[in-house]
């Protein structure tokens, strides 16, 4: 049985200096990322990244936890319900 869930993760980066850390973590979890869009919003001095993911809750939770632990990075996620 497939325990994977489809979801979206929103990431707001308030300090561009942490972008390399964020990108390193995203590369580490690249196998569950099926889509990514990143927008630098220079007027507000933030960057916004949206991810579409397909993975189990443990892996998605590890990804969001590592991202959320970075100072000046805010993360929210929404996943499909389990069956």
Protein backbone atom coordinates (compact mmCIF):
# COMPACT_ATOMS: atom_id res chain seq x y z
CA UNK A 1 0.00 0.00 0.00
CA UNK A 2 1.25 3.47 -0.92
CA UNK A 3 1.43 5.66 2.20
CA UNK A 4 2.57 8.73 0.29
CA UNK A 5 0.67 11.97 0.37
CA UNK A 6 0.54 14.80 -2.12
CA UNK A 7 0.98 18.25 -0.67
CA UNK A 8 2.09 21.81 -1.00
CA UNK A 9 4.76 23.51 1.08
CA UNK A 10 5.04 27.30 1.24
CA UNK A 11 8.37 28.81 2.26
CA UNK A 12 8.99 32.50 2.98
CA UNK A 13 12.61 33.56 3.29
CA UNK A 14 13.10 36.90 5.04
CA UNK A 15 16.91 36.97 4.75
CA UNK A 16 18.55 36.07 1.43
CA UNK A 17 21.72 35.06 3.26
CA UNK A 18 20.03 31.83 4.35
CA UNK A 19 19.03 30.89 0.78
CA UNK A 20 22.02 28.53 0.33
CA UNK A 21 20.95 26.58 3.45
CA UNK A 22 17.39 26.35 2.14
CA UNK A 23 18.55 25.19 -1.29
CA UNK A 24 20.84 22.60 0.29
CA UNK A 25 17.94 21.10 2.23
CA UNK A 26 15.70 21.15 -0.83
CA UNK A 27 18.39 19.29 -2.79
CA UNK A 28 18.63 16.73 0.01
CA UNK A 29 14.88 16.02 -0.35
CA UNK A 30 14.75 16.36 -4.13
CA UNK A 31 13.29 12.86 -4.56
CA UNK A 32 9.95 13.96 -3.06
CA UNK A 33 9.74 17.36 -4.77
CA UNK A 34 7.70 17.12 -7.97
CA UNK A 35 7.39 20.85 -8.61
CA UNK A 36 8.97 24.06 -7.42
CA UNK A 37 8.39 27.76 -8.03
CA UNK A 38 10.53 30.48 -6.48
CA UNK A 39 9.80 34.19 -6.61
CA UNK A 40 12.13 36.87 -5.24
CA UNK A 41 9.98 39.80 -4.12
CA UNK A 42 12.57 42.57 -4.07
CA UNK A 43 10.09 45.29 -3.08
CA UNK A 44 9.45 43.55 0.26
CA UNK A 45 12.94 42.02 0.52
CA UNK A 46 11.63 38.44 0.79
CA UNK A 47 11.68 35.34 -1.37
CA UNK A 48 8.78 32.94 -1.65
CA UNK A 49 9.12 29.30 -2.69
CA UNK A 50 6.22 26.94 -3.29
CA UNK A 51 6.78 23.20 -3.53
CA UNK A 52 4.56 20.35 -4.64
CA UNK A 53 5.63 17.18 -2.85
CA UNK A 54 4.81 13.46 -2.97
CA UNK A 55 6.12 11.57 0.04
CA UNK A 56 5.31 9.94 3.35
CA UNK A 57 4.50 12.10 6.35
CA UNK A 58 7.79 11.33 8.09
CA UNK A 59 9.86 12.53 5.14
CA UNK A 60 7.72 15.61 4.51
CA UNK A 61 7.82 16.41 8.23
CA UNK A 62 11.60 16.09 8.29
CA UNK A 63 11.87 18.46 5.32
CA UNK A 64 9.57 21.10 6.83
CA UNK A 65 11.21 20.72 10.23
CA UNK A 66 14.70 21.34 8.88
CA UNK A 67 13.50 24.33 6.88
CA UNK A 68 11.54 25.77 9.80
CA UNK A 69 14.58 25.52 12.08
CA UNK A 70 16.45 28.07 9.94
CA UNK A 71 16.29 31.60 11.36
CA UNK A 72 14.21 33.95 9.15
CA UNK A 73 12.50 31.08 7.28
CA UNK A 74 8.76 30.46 7.69
CA UNK A 75 7.21 27.22 6.46
CA UNK A 76 3.62 25.97 6.14
CA UNK A 77 2.33 22.80 4.55
CA UNK A 78 -0.95 21.21 3.54
CA UNK A 79 -1.27 17.51 2.67
CA UNK A 80 -3.91 15.21 1.31
CA UNK A 81 -5.67 13.16 3.94
CA UNK A 82 -4.56 9.57 4.53
CA UNK A 83 -6.74 6.78 3.21
